[in-house]
Every structure is written in structure tokens, then in C-alpha cells.
C-alpha atoms as a PDB file:
ATOM      1  CA  MET A   1       0.027  -0.037  -0.327  1.00  0.00           C
ATOM      2  CA  GLY A   2       1.211   3.549  -0.859  1.00  0.00           C
ATOM      3  CA  ALA A   3       2.904   5.526   1.897  1.00  0.00           C
ATOM      4  CA  GLY A   4       1.365   8.279   3.157  1.00  0.00           C
ATOM      5  CA  HIS A   5      -2.275   6.180   2.843  1.00  0.00           C
ATOM      6  CA  SER A   6      -3.735   4.336   5.978  1.00  0.00           C
ATOM      7  CA  HIS A   7      -6.735   2.250   5.743  1.00  0.00           C
ATOM      8  CA  ASP A   8      -8.864   2.066   8.444  1.00  0.00           C
ATOM      9  CA  HIS A   9     -12.238  -0.342   8.217  1.00  0.00           C
ATOM     10  CA  GLY A  10     -15.592   0.202  10.265  1.00  0.00           C
ATOM     11  CA  HIS A  11     -17.956  -2.479   9.569  1.00  0.00           C
ATOM     12  CA  SER A  12     -21.228  -2.712  11.633  1.00  0.00           C
ATOM     13  CA  HIS A  13     -24.303  -4.178  11.673  1.00  0.00           C
ATOM     14  CA  GLY A  14     -27.484  -2.146  12.921  1.00  0.00           C
ATOM     15  CA  HIS A  15     -30.604  -3.455  14.533  1.00  0.00           C
ATOM     16  CA  SER A  16     -32.127  -6.134  12.947  1.00  0.00           C
ATOM     17  CA  HIS A  17     -34.365  -5.726   9.477  1.00  0.00           C
ATOM     18  CA  SER A  18     -34.513  -9.576   9.043  1.00  0.00           C
ATOM     19  CA  PRO A  19     -38.259  -9.915   7.438  1.00  0.00           C
ATOM     20  CA  ALA A  20     -41.547 -10.440   9.784  1.00  0.00           C
ATOM     21  CA  ASN A  21     -41.918 -14.020   9.823  1.00  0.00           C
ATOM     22  CA  TYR A  22     -45.155 -14.625   7.787  1.00  0.00           C
ATOM     23  CA  GLY A  23     -45.182 -18.709   8.180  1.00  0.00           C
ATOM     24  CA  PRO A  24     -48.309 -18.909   9.224  1.00  0.00           C
ATOM     25  CA  ALA A  25     -50.241 -16.117   6.218  1.00  0.00           C
ATOM     26  CA  PHE A  26     -48.412 -18.410   4.057  1.00  0.00           C
ATOM     27  CA  ALA A  27     -49.655 -21.437   5.347  1.00  0.00           C
ATOM     28  CA  ILE A  28     -53.068 -20.543   5.853  1.00  0.00           C
ATOM     29  CA  GLY A  29     -53.188 -19.314   2.093  1.00  0.00           C
ATOM     30  CA  VAL A  30     -51.627 -21.799   0.415  1.00  0.00           C
ATOM     31  CA  VAL A  31     -54.013 -24.131   2.532  1.00  0.00           C
ATOM     32  CA  LEU A  32     -57.460 -22.183   1.732  1.00  0.00           C
ATOM     33  CA  ASN A  33     -56.742 -21.427  -2.360  1.00  0.00           C
ATOM     34  CA  LEU A  34     -55.894 -25.177  -2.538  1.00  0.00           C
ATOM     35  CA  ALA A  35     -59.029 -26.049  -1.310  1.00  0.00           C
ATOM     36  CA  PHE A  36     -60.824 -23.418  -3.181  1.00  0.00           C
ATOM     37  CA  VAL A  37     -59.395 -24.465  -6.565  1.00  0.00           C
ATOM     38  CA  GLY A  38     -60.770 -28.172  -6.037  1.00  0.00           C
ATOM     39  CA  VAL A  39     -64.369 -26.555  -5.593  1.00  0.00           C
ATOM     40  CA  GLU A  40     -63.681 -24.205  -8.506  1.00  0.00           C
ATOM     41  CA  ALA A  41     -62.790 -26.852 -10.826  1.00  0.00           C
ATOM     42  CA  VAL A  42     -65.618 -29.662  -9.991  1.00  0.00           C
ATOM     43  CA  ALA A  43     -67.923 -26.461  -9.888  1.00  0.00           C
ATOM     44  CA  GLY A  44     -66.693 -25.751 -13.410  1.00  0.00           C
ATOM     45  CA  PHE A  45     -67.048 -29.668 -14.877  1.00  0.00           C
ATOM     46  CA  LEU A  46     -70.307 -30.197 -13.151  1.00  0.00           C
ATOM     47  CA  SER A  47     -71.549 -26.802 -14.865  1.00  0.00           C
ATOM     48  CA  GLY A  48     -69.980 -26.633 -17.991  1.00  0.00           C
ATOM     49  CA  SER A  49     -68.271 -23.358 -17.534  1.00  0.00           C
ATOM     50  CA  MET A  50     -64.941 -23.028 -19.127  1.00  0.00           C
ATOM     51  CA  ALA A  51     -64.601 -19.921 -17.473  1.00  0.00           C
ATOM     52  CA  LEU A  52     -64.568 -21.331 -13.854  1.00  0.00           C
ATOM     53  CA  ILE A  53     -62.300 -24.192 -15.027  1.00  0.00           C
ATOM     54  CA  ALA A  54     -59.702 -21.957 -16.689  1.00  0.00           C
ATOM     55  CA  ASP A  55     -59.750 -19.403 -13.444  1.00  0.00           C
ATOM     56  CA  ALA A  56     -59.079 -22.551 -11.563  1.00  0.00           C
ATOM     57  CA  GLY A  57     -55.897 -23.310 -13.087  1.00  0.00           C
ATOM     58  CA  HIS A  58     -55.067 -19.641 -12.407  1.00  0.00           C
ATOM     59  CA  ASN A  59     -55.876 -19.701  -9.052  1.00  0.00           C
ATOM     60  CA  LEU A  60     -53.612 -22.877  -9.025  1.00  0.00           C
ATOM     61  CA  SER A  61     -50.928 -20.801 -10.397  1.00  0.00           C
ATOM     62  CA  ASP A  62     -51.389 -18.578  -7.333  1.00  0.00           C
ATOM     63  CA  VAL A  63     -50.392 -21.299  -5.155  1.00  0.00           C
ATOM     64  CA  LEU A  64     -47.615 -21.744  -6.902  1.00  0.00           C
ATOM     65  CA  SER A  65     -46.456 -18.293  -6.458  1.00  0.00           C
ATOM     66  CA  LEU A  66     -47.515 -17.992  -2.624  1.00  0.00           C
ATOM     67  CA  ALA A  67     -45.401 -20.981  -1.968  1.00  0.00           C
ATOM     68  CA  LEU A  68     -42.352 -19.818  -4.168  1.00  0.00           C
ATOM     69  CA  ALA A  69     -42.966 -16.780  -1.828  1.00  0.00           C
ATOM     70  CA  TRP A  70     -42.803 -18.722   1.425  1.00  0.00           C
ATOM     71  CA  GLY A  71     -40.004 -20.856   0.784  1.00  0.00           C
ATOM     72  CA  ALA A  72     -38.263 -17.333  -0.378  1.00  0.00           C
ATOM     73  CA  SER A  73     -39.147 -16.047   2.966  1.00  0.00           C
ATOM     74  CA  VAL A  74     -37.562 -19.138   5.048  1.00  0.00           C
ATOM     75  CA  LEU A  75     -34.299 -19.143   3.306  1.00  0.00           C
ATOM     76  CA  ALA A  76     -33.947 -15.175   4.033  1.00  0.00           C
ATOM     77  CA  ARG A  77     -34.179 -16.314   7.578  1.00  0.00           C
ATOM     78  CA  ARG A  78     -31.210 -18.970   7.408  1.00  0.00           C
ATOM     79  CA  PRO A  79     -27.676 -18.140   8.894  1.00  0.00           C
ATOM     80  CA  ALA A  80     -25.186 -17.220   6.249  1.00  0.00           C
ATOM     81  CA  ALA A  81     -22.789 -20.285   5.933  1.00  0.00           C
ATOM     82  CA  GLY A  82     -19.852 -21.792   3.888  1.00  0.00           C
ATOM     83  CA  ARG A  83     -19.944 -20.166   0.540  1.00  0.00           C
ATOM     84  CA  PHE A  84     -23.445 -18.261   1.219  1.00  0.00           C
ATOM     85  CA  THR A  85     -21.457 -15.563   3.340  1.00  0.00           C
ATOM     86  CA  TYR A  86     -24.428 -13.376   2.679  1.00  0.00           C
ATOM     87  CA  GLY A  87     -26.920 -16.046   3.615  1.00  0.00           C
ATOM     88  CA  PHE A  88     -29.966 -16.311   1.517  1.00  0.00           C
ATOM     89  CA  LYS A  89     -31.664 -13.189   1.733  1.00  0.00           C
ATOM     90  CA  SER A  90     -31.168 -12.375  -2.081  1.00  0.00           C
ATOM     91  CA  SER A  91     -33.609 -15.410  -2.836  1.00  0.00           C
ATOM     92  CA  THR A  92     -36.765 -12.680  -1.487  1.00  0.00           C
ATOM     93  CA  ILE A  93     -35.740 -10.720  -4.646  1.00  0.00           C
ATOM     94  CA  LEU A  94     -35.533 -13.679  -6.695  1.00  0.00           C
ATOM     95  CA  ALA A  95     -38.973 -14.704  -5.555  1.00  0.00           C
ATOM     96  CA  ALA A  96     -40.579 -10.807  -6.454  1.00  0.00           C
ATOM     97  CA  LEU A  97     -39.508 -11.014  -9.443  1.00  0.00           C
ATOM     98  CA  ALA A  98     -40.542 -15.326 -10.562  1.00  0.00           C
ATOM     99  CA  ASN A  99     -44.245 -13.701  -8.925  1.00  0.00           C
ATOM    100  CA  ALA A 100     -44.023 -11.179 -11.369  1.00  0.00           C
ATOM    101  CA  GLY A 101     -43.518 -13.244 -13.771  1.00  0.00           C
ATOM    102  CA  LEU A 102     -46.163 -15.365 -12.785  1.00  0.00           C
ATOM    103  CA  LEU A 103     -48.277 -12.346 -12.912  1.00  0.00           C
ATOM    104  CA  LEU A 104     -47.406 -11.415 -16.567  1.00  0.00           C
ATOM    105  CA  VAL A 105     -48.082 -15.618 -17.561  1.00  0.00           C
ATOM    106  CA  ALA A 106     -51.549 -15.165 -15.673  1.00  0.00           C
ATOM    107  CA  ILE A 107     -52.660 -12.270 -17.742  1.00  0.00           C
ATOM    108  CA  GLY A 108     -51.364 -13.378 -21.107  1.00  0.00           C
ATOM    109  CA  GLY A 109     -53.694 -16.682 -20.374  1.00  0.00           C
ATOM    110  CA  ILE A 110     -56.775 -14.639 -19.275  1.00  0.00           C
ATOM    111  CA  ALA A 111     -56.528 -12.128 -21.741  1.00  0.00           C
ATOM    112  CA  PHE A 112     -55.918 -15.222 -24.505  1.00  0.00           C
ATOM    113  CA  GLU A 113     -59.184 -16.712 -23.174  1.00  0.00           C
ATOM    114  CA  THR A 114     -61.368 -12.930 -23.451  1.00  0.00           C
ATOM    115  CA  LEU A 115     -59.975 -12.428 -26.986  1.00  0.00           C
ATOM    116  CA  GLN A 116     -61.310 -16.121 -28.022  1.00  0.00           C
ATOM    117  CA  ARG A 117     -64.625 -15.281 -26.312  1.00  0.00           C
ATOM    118  CA  ILE A 118     -65.122 -11.821 -27.878  1.00  0.00           C
ATOM    119  CA  ASP A 119     -66.602 -12.452 -31.368  1.00  0.00           C
ATOM    120  CA  GLN A 120     -68.631 -15.504 -30.164  1.00  0.00           C
ATOM    121  CA  PRO A 121     -68.923 -15.278 -26.645  1.00  0.00           C
ATOM    122  CA  PRO A 122     -70.532 -18.803 -25.205  1.00  0.00           C
ATOM    123  CA  ALA A 123     -73.250 -19.453 -22.953  1.00  0.00           C
ATOM    124  CA  VAL A 124     -72.776 -19.490 -19.406  1.00  0.00           C
ATOM    125  CA  GLU A 125     -74.646 -20.342 -15.925  1.00  0.00           C
ATOM    126  CA  GLY A 126     -74.617 -16.767 -14.441  1.00  0.00           C
ATOM    127  CA  ARG A 127     -76.048 -17.808 -11.264  1.00  0.00           C
ATOM    128  CA  THR A 128     -73.204 -20.651 -10.711  1.00  0.00           C
ATOM    129  CA  MET A 129     -70.430 -18.223 -11.497  1.00  0.00           C
ATOM    130  CA  MET A 130     -72.352 -15.785  -8.968  1.00  0.00           C
ATOM    131  CA  ILE A 131     -72.179 -18.103  -6.117  1.00  0.00           C
ATOM    132  CA  VAL A 132     -68.746 -19.908  -6.846  1.00  0.00           C
ATOM    133  CA  ALA A 133     -67.090 -16.131  -7.637  1.00  0.00           C
ATOM    134  CA  GLY A 134     -68.509 -15.011  -4.298  1.00  0.00           C
ATOM    135  CA  VAL A 135     -66.683 -17.819  -2.266  1.00  0.00           C
ATOM    136  CA  GLY A 136     -63.465 -17.172  -4.322  1.00  0.00           C
ATOM    137  CA  ILE A 137     -63.605 -13.114  -3.483  1.00  0.00           C
ATOM    138  CA  LEU A 138     -63.886 -14.079   0.578  1.00  0.00           C
ATOM    139  CA  ILE A 139     -61.160 -16.616   0.468  1.00  0.00           C
ATOM    140  CA  ASN A 140     -58.517 -14.365  -2.037  1.00  0.00           C
ATOM    141  CA  ALA A 141     -59.816 -11.466  -0.166  1.00  0.00           C
ATOM    142  CA  GLY A 142     -59.004 -12.735   3.413  1.00  0.00           C
ATOM    143  CA  THR A 143     -55.657 -14.147   2.359  1.00  0.00           C
ATOM    144  CA  ALA A 144     -54.469 -10.466   0.594  1.00  0.00           C
ATOM    145  CA  LEU A 145     -55.492  -8.783   4.192  1.00  0.00           C
ATOM    146  CA  LEU A 146     -53.008 -11.871   5.814  1.00  0.00           C
ATOM    147  CA  PHE A 147     -50.051  -9.889   3.461  1.00  0.00           C
ATOM    148  CA  PHE A 148     -51.790  -6.267   3.379  1.00  0.00           C
ATOM    149  CA  ARG A 149     -49.497  -4.757   6.536  1.00  0.00           C
ATOM    150  CA  GLY A 150     -46.081  -5.856   5.052  1.00  0.00           C
ATOM    151  CA  ARG A 151     -46.599  -5.107   1.653  1.00  0.00           C
ATOM    152  CA  LYS A 152     -45.238  -1.284   1.580  1.00  0.00           C
ATOM    153  CA  HIS A 153     -41.858  -3.023   3.415  1.00  0.00           C
ATOM    154  CA  ASP A 154     -41.111  -6.328   1.055  1.00  0.00           C
ATOM    155  CA  ILE A 155     -42.069  -6.399  -2.584  1.00  0.00           C
ATOM    156  CA  ASN A 156     -41.943 -10.169  -1.766  1.00  0.00           C
ATOM    157  CA  ILE A 157     -44.619  -9.788   0.525  1.00  0.00           C
ATOM    158  CA  ARG A 158     -46.330  -7.424  -2.133  1.00  0.00           C
ATOM    159  CA  GLY A 159     -46.037  -9.896  -4.615  1.00  0.00           C
ATOM    160  CA  ALA A 160     -47.967 -12.644  -2.468  1.00  0.00           C
ATOM    161  CA  PHE A 161     -50.416  -9.705  -1.715  1.00  0.00           C
ATOM    162  CA  LEU A 162     -50.721  -8.523  -5.546  1.00  0.00           C
ATOM    163  CA  HIS A 163     -52.107 -11.949  -6.722  1.00  0.00           C
ATOM    164  CA  MET A 164     -54.338 -12.524  -4.093  1.00  0.00           C
ATOM    165  CA  ALA A 165     -55.935  -9.339  -4.310  1.00  0.00           C
ATOM    166  CA  ALA A 166     -55.849  -9.561  -8.288  1.00  0.00           C
ATOM    167  CA  ASP A 167     -57.699 -13.043  -7.372  1.00  0.00           C
ATOM    168  CA  ALA A 168     -60.401 -11.156  -5.671  1.00  0.00           C
ATOM    169  CA  LEU A 169     -60.573  -8.734  -7.927  1.00  0.00           C
ATOM    170  CA  VAL A 170     -61.139 -11.294 -10.189  1.00  0.00           C
ATOM    171  CA  SER A 171     -64.156 -13.360  -8.876  1.00  0.00           C
ATOM    172  CA  LEU A 172     -65.694  -9.839  -8.233  1.00  0.00           C
ATOM    173  CA  GLY A 173     -65.813  -9.125 -11.720  1.00  0.00           C
ATOM    174  CA  VAL A 174     -67.118 -12.919 -12.434  1.00  0.00           C
ATOM    175  CA  VAL A 175     -69.812 -12.245  -9.400  1.00  0.00           C
ATOM    176  CA  VAL A 176     -70.980  -8.862 -11.547  1.00  0.00           C
ATOM    177  CA  ALA A 177     -70.675 -10.342 -14.722  1.00  0.00           C
ATOM    178  CA  GLY A 178     -72.765 -13.041 -13.557  1.00  0.00           C
ATOM    179  CA  ALA A 179     -75.278 -10.908 -12.667  1.00  0.00           C
ATOM    180  CA  ALA A 180     -75.278  -8.778 -15.377  1.00  0.00           C
ATOM    181  CA  ILE A 181     -75.882 -12.154 -17.817  1.00  0.00           C
ATOM    182  CA  LEU A 182     -78.629 -13.047 -15.343  1.00  0.00           C
ATOM    183  CA  MET A 183     -80.485  -9.915 -15.760  1.00  0.00           C
ATOM    184  CA  THR A 184     -80.104  -9.427 -19.308  1.00  0.00           C
ATOM    185  CA  GLY A 185     -78.876 -12.670 -21.169  1.00  0.00           C
ATOM    186  CA  ALA A 186     -75.958 -10.840 -23.041  1.00  0.00           C
ATOM    187  CA  HIS A 187     -72.964 -13.084 -22.904  1.00  0.00           C
ATOM    188  CA  TRP A 188     -70.717 -10.897 -24.338  1.00  0.00           C
ATOM    189  CA  ILE A 189     -70.647  -9.104 -20.713  1.00  0.00           C
ATOM    190  CA  ASP A 190     -68.400 -12.222 -19.801  1.00  0.00           C
ATOM    191  CA  PRO A 191     -65.180 -11.236 -21.989  1.00  0.00           C
ATOM    192  CA  LEU A 192     -65.529  -7.465 -21.715  1.00  0.00           C
ATOM    193  CA  THR A 193     -65.680  -8.158 -17.758  1.00  0.00           C
ATOM    194  CA  SER A 194     -61.980 -10.069 -18.038  1.00  0.00           C
ATOM    195  CA  LEU A 195     -60.945  -7.580 -20.403  1.00  0.00           C
ATOM    196  CA  VAL A 196     -61.282  -4.804 -17.775  1.00  0.00           C
ATOM    197  CA  ILE A 197     -59.831  -6.953 -14.733  1.00  0.00           C
ATOM    198  CA  VAL A 198     -57.118  -7.768 -16.900  1.00  0.00           C
ATOM    199  CA  LEU A 199     -55.948  -3.852 -17.801  1.00  0.00           C
ATOM    200  CA  VAL A 200     -56.001  -3.572 -13.824  1.00  0.00           C
ATOM    201  CA  ILE A 201     -54.138  -6.819 -12.860  1.00  0.00           C
ATOM    202  CA  ALA A 202     -51.414  -5.328 -15.582  1.00  0.00           C
ATOM    203  CA  TRP A 203     -51.176  -2.013 -14.170  1.00  0.00           C
ATOM    204  CA  GLY A 204     -50.498  -3.115 -10.762  1.00  0.00           C
ATOM    205  CA  THR A 205     -47.507  -6.210 -11.897  1.00  0.00           C
ATOM    206  CA  TRP A 206     -45.856  -3.782 -13.953  1.00  0.00           C
ATOM    207  CA  GLY A 207     -44.746  -1.604 -10.288  1.00  0.00           C
ATOM    208  CA  LEU A 208     -44.016  -5.158  -8.930  1.00  0.00           C
ATOM    209  CA  LEU A 209     -41.708  -6.071 -12.192  1.00  0.00           C
ATOM    210  CA  LYS A 210     -39.653  -2.786 -12.539  1.00  0.00           C
ATOM    211  CA  ASP A 211     -39.144  -2.992  -8.327  1.00  0.00           C
ATOM    212  CA  SER A 212     -37.809  -6.782  -8.697  1.00  0.00           C
ATOM    213  CA  LEU A 213     -35.461  -5.539 -12.088  1.00  0.00           C
ATOM    214  CA  LYS A 214     -34.331  -2.765  -9.795  1.00  0.00           C
ATOM    215  CA  LEU A 215     -33.580  -4.821  -7.124  1.00  0.00           C
ATOM    216  CA  ALA A 216     -32.246  -7.712  -8.996  1.00  0.00           C
ATOM    217  CA  LEU A 217     -29.621  -5.709 -10.715  1.00  0.00           C
ATOM    218  CA  ASN A 218     -28.528  -3.955  -7.486  1.00  0.00           C
ATOM    219  CA  ALA A 219     -29.940  -0.551  -8.263  1.00  0.00           C
ATOM    220  CA  VAL A 220     -30.458   1.649  -4.386  1.00  0.00           C
ATOM    221  CA  PRO A 221     -33.377   0.513  -3.123  1.00  0.00           C
ATOM    222  CA  GLY A 222     -36.159   2.947  -3.773  1.00  0.00           C
ATOM    223  CA  HIS A 223     -36.443   4.151   0.008  1.00  0.00           C
ATOM    224  CA  ILE A 224     -33.097   5.253   0.300  1.00  0.00           C
ATOM    225  CA  ASP A 225     -32.242   8.418  -1.197  1.00  0.00           C
ATOM    226  CA  GLU A 226     -28.350   7.972  -2.741  1.00  0.00           C
ATOM    227  CA  GLY A 227     -27.992  11.920  -3.030  1.00  0.00           C
ATOM    228  CA  ALA A 228     -28.528  12.324   0.849  1.00  0.00           C
ATOM    229  CA  VAL A 229     -26.476   9.569   2.034  1.00  0.00           C
ATOM    230  CA  ARG A 230     -23.736  10.921  -0.218  1.00  0.00           C
ATOM    231  CA  ALA A 231     -24.724  14.431   1.241  1.00  0.00           C
ATOM    232  CA  HIS A 232     -24.061  13.194   5.154  1.00  0.00           C
ATOM    233  CA  LEU A 233     -20.866  11.392   4.944  1.00  0.00           C
ATOM    234  CA  ALA A 234     -19.159  14.095   2.587  1.00  0.00           C
ATOM    235  CA  GLY A 235     -20.577  16.776   5.508  1.00  0.00           C
ATOM    236  CA  LEU A 236     -19.304  14.478   8.607  1.00  0.00           C
ATOM    237  CA  PRO A 237     -15.975  16.554  10.622  1.00  0.00           C
ATOM    238  CA  GLY A 238     -13.207  16.167   8.844  1.00  0.00           C
ATOM    239  CA  VAL A 239     -14.339  14.670   5.704  1.00  0.00           C
ATOM    240  CA  THR A 240     -12.677  15.914   2.509  1.00  0.00           C
ATOM    241  CA  ALA A 241     -14.003  13.473   0.060  1.00  0.00           C
ATOM    242  CA  VAL A 242     -16.349  10.358  -0.977  1.00  0.00           C
ATOM    243  CA  HIS A 243     -15.550   8.035  -3.293  1.00  0.00           C
ATOM    244  CA  ASP A 244     -16.473   4.282  -4.034  1.00  0.00           C
ATOM    245  CA  LEU A 245     -20.122   4.633  -2.436  1.00  0.00           C
ATOM    246  CA  HIS A 246     -22.058   1.285  -3.273  1.00  0.00           C
ATOM    247  CA  ILE A 247     -25.482   0.883  -1.533  1.00  0.00           C
ATOM    248  CA  TRP A 248     -27.338  -2.341  -2.716  1.00  0.00           C
ATOM    249  CA  PRO A 249     -30.080  -4.777  -1.382  1.00  0.00           C
ATOM    250  CA  MET A 250     -29.364  -7.800   0.238  1.00  0.00           C
ATOM    251  CA  SER A 251     -33.007  -8.889   0.394  1.00  0.00           C
ATOM    252  CA  THR A 252     -36.412  -7.212  -0.008  1.00  0.00           C
ATOM    253  CA  THR A 253     -36.254  -5.778   3.541  1.00  0.00           C
ATOM    254  CA  GLU A 254     -32.521  -5.050   4.217  1.00  0.00           C
ATOM    255  CA  ALA A 255     -29.724  -2.694   2.301  1.00  0.00           C
ATOM    256  CA  ALA A 256     -25.926  -2.590   2.552  1.00  0.00           C
ATOM    257  CA  LEU A 257     -23.891   0.190   2.131  1.00  0.00           C
ATOM    258  CA  THR A 258     -19.954   0.366   1.155  1.00  0.00           C
ATOM    259  CA  ALA A 259     -18.218   3.845   1.026  1.00  0.00           C
ATOM    260  CA  HIS A 260     -14.174   5.324   1.254  1.00  0.00           C
ATOM    261  CA  LEU A 261     -14.030   8.584   3.424  1.00  0.00           C
ATOM    262  CA  VAL A 262     -11.000  11.108   3.244  1.00  0.00           C
ATOM    263  CA  ILE A 263     -10.018  12.087   6.281  1.00  0.00           C
ATOM    264  CA  PRO A 264      -6.647  13.747   6.037  1.00  0.00           C
ATOM    265  CA  GLY A 265      -5.985  14.016   9.877  1.00  0.00           C
ATOM    266  CA  GLY A 266      -6.205  10.284  10.196  1.00  0.00           C
ATOM    267  CA  HIS A 267      -8.681   7.716  11.751  1.00  0.00           C
ATOM    268  CA  PRO A 268     -11.183   9.767  13.837  1.00  0.00           C
ATOM    269  CA  GLY A 269     -12.033   6.801  16.392  1.00  0.00           C
ATOM    270  CA  ASP A 270     -14.711   4.018  16.901  1.00  0.00           C
ATOM    271  CA  ALA A 271     -17.160   6.476  18.469  1.00  0.00           C
ATOM    272  CA  PHE A 272     -17.223   8.059  15.184  1.00  0.00           C
ATOM    273  CA  LEU A 273     -17.625   4.695  13.629  1.00  0.00           C
ATOM    274  CA  ARG A 274     -20.821   3.402  15.953  1.00  0.00           C
ATOM    275  CA  ASP A 275     -21.923   6.879  15.595  1.00  0.00           C
ATOM    276  CA  LEU A 276     -22.095   6.732  11.668  1.00  0.00           C
ATOM    277  CA  SER A 277     -23.756   3.421  11.320  1.00  0.00           C
ATOM    278  CA  HIS A 278     -26.559   4.013  14.089  1.00  0.00           C
ATOM    279  CA  THR A 279     -27.177   7.298  11.124  1.00  0.00           C
ATOM    280  CA  LEU A 280     -27.205   5.071   8.550  1.00  0.00           C
ATOM    281  CA  ASP A 281     -29.458   2.239   9.925  1.00  0.00           C
ATOM    282  CA  HIS A 282     -31.791   5.211  11.748  1.00  0.00           C
ATOM    283  CA  ASP A 283     -31.960   8.074   9.241  1.00  0.00           C
ATOM    284  CA  PHE A 284     -31.736   6.339   6.224  1.00  0.00           C
ATOM    285  CA  GLY A 285     -32.447   2.367   6.501  1.00  0.00           C
ATOM    286  CA  ILE A 286     -29.297   0.685   5.780  1.00  0.00           C
ATOM    287  CA  CYS A 287     -28.910  -1.863   8.172  1.00  0.00           C
ATOM    288  CA  HIS A 288     -25.261  -3.364   6.988  1.00  0.00           C
ATOM    289  CA  SER A 289     -22.870  -0.611   6.651  1.00  0.00           C
ATOM    290  CA  THR A 290     -18.885  -0.926   5.714  1.00  0.00           C
ATOM    291  CA  VAL A 291     -16.563   2.406   5.481  1.00  0.00           C
ATOM    292  CA  GLN A 292     -12.929   2.932   4.580  1.00  0.00           C
ATOM    293  CA  ILE A 293     -10.967   5.648   6.307  1.00  0.00           C
ATOM    294  CA  GLU A 294      -8.205   6.989   4.363  1.00  0.00           C
ATOM    295  CA  ASN A 295      -5.735   9.879   4.773  1.00  0.00           C
ATOM    296  CA  GLY A 296      -5.375  10.688   1.098  1.00  0.00           C
ATOM    297  CA  SER A 297      -7.276  11.295  -1.742  1.00  0.00           C
ATOM    298  CA  ASP A 298      -5.657   8.743  -3.892  1.00  0.00           C
ATOM    299  CA  CYS A 299      -5.666   5.402  -2.717  1.00  0.00           C
ATOM    300  CA  GLY A 300      -5.375   3.666  -6.121  1.00  0.00           C
ATOM    301  CA  LEU A 301      -8.716   1.709  -5.707  1.00  0.00           C
ATOM    302  CA  GLY A 302     -10.497   3.671  -8.131  1.00  0.00           C
ATOM    303  CA  HIS A 303     -12.993   6.338  -7.921  1.00  0.00           C
ATOM    304  CA  ASP A 304     -16.777   7.282  -8.804  1.00  0.00           C
ATOM    305  CA  HIS A 305     -17.596   8.542 -11.984  1.00  0.00           C
ATOM    306  CA  LYS A 306     -20.592  10.423 -12.571  1.00  0.00           C
END
């Protein structure tokens, strides 16, 4: 290491930002929705309603998405070991991305079926549609409520919430369509309602997909202002320069930071690092921080490029 440079490292972990345990919620959601898939499929076969059968297939994909999110939340709580020095926290990001993909597949399936029905809408049993879809509203909305609280803080949980909320919306649309068909006898109402539902689900899915891709590419998490963090570091006592600042998501709930701070006067002491760690955690939501202190502005390790 070149003369005139000192490289002191301060590494800290703030208070725990581990994902909340939604295991019971996932278990309830999987069991209820799997049971409903069976009921809906049987009702579809008995009534001859392809709409109900198709929706049962869609709900089955949602059971898979719940299981996927559940598995990721369990993995995220496992400690780091061996080659996985970060543990399996990033599995929640992969699950959120996969769930966005599953939603897109579901949207494509509903849209394809809708387009098939627009020209020649088949006769459907409105009363059966309303009864079965009404049960679906209760189950899907109830499951969505289990994830309502965590949807703003964890996009993996938001993915589960959106799946269930979308299903409740689909079921509501089916109830409305069934009632309209009973009153008017106009079977074209069914595909038209499905088309509206597709557009609503697509709107919510786009946000989930965009946020998931950003996290997968190690972008700064949306709740963290990189400029504000940089300004805070640059304004610390004795700091003359900040470079190699990196902020990235370790999971859908945790963020990490590394930075080089140039302090010509030398290492400011452990208290400085403890206070900085607390501020990064408390004020910016960065619970894992590693800071390198340098006494010169050119350490040969690379600088940020704007």
C-alpha cells in the first residue's frame, strides 16, 4: 500500500431488519386457495363453465406463487454459512421477480381466453358463476389481508398480496358479470369484464416487475436517497472527500453500504464509526455498513465516475 495512506475499516450491523415471519399467513393462504381450486374445478366441470375451469387453473398458479414466496421468506431467515456469506437473503428478490413473471403469464392466459370469447361468447351459467366467484372473493380477499401490512416494506410480500388481491378482483368481476348476464342475457359481458380485469392487474404487475428488476440489478433501494446519503457522509467532521460509495439490496427488506471516506487527520476513532452506523441505520434504513477511512484522496482503488 502506498506511503502516506492509511486504510482503516469500520464494519457494523444495525438493529435487525430481518423479514417478518409470515409463515402462518403463507400456510393459511396455500391451504385455503388449494381447497378453493378443487371446489372451483369441480363446479366448473359440473356446470360446464370453461370460465370457472380456467380460473381454477389461474388460482392454481397463485398457489404456486404463494409457495414460492413462502420458501424465499424461510430461506431469508437462515444464517450465513459456507460459500453463502450473505446467507440466502436475496432469494426474496428472486421470488418477487418470479412472482411478477407468474402474474404476467396469468395476465396473458386471461387475455388470450378473453380474445377467444369476444367474437362468439359462449353461454354461461350466471348463477353458478356468482356463487363460486363469491366464495373466491372471501378466500382471496381474506388471504390478501394477511399480507396487507407487509406489502409496503417487502416486495416479496407485496407480490403475494398482489396475487391474492388480483384474484379477489377477478372473482368480483365474475360476480358482476354473472349478475349482468342473469339480468340481460348478454353473454358478451363475460369477456368484456375479463378484459377490464386484465388491464387492472397489468397496472399493478408493472410496478412489481419494475421494482423487482431494479433490486435484482443491485440498484439503490427505492426508499433510500443516494444523494442524501452521499451528502451526509461528505458533511461529517473531518471528511474532505467521499468515493466508491455503493448501496445495494441484500434482500427485499435489508440494504448494505460500502464507502471510502478521506479524512486527512487520520482515523477519527471507533465512536465516529458507531455513530455513523447508527445514523445510516436509523435515518436511511441501511442496516449493514462498511466504511473505509483514508488519509489521502488517492488510494489507487478506483473512484466514482459521474
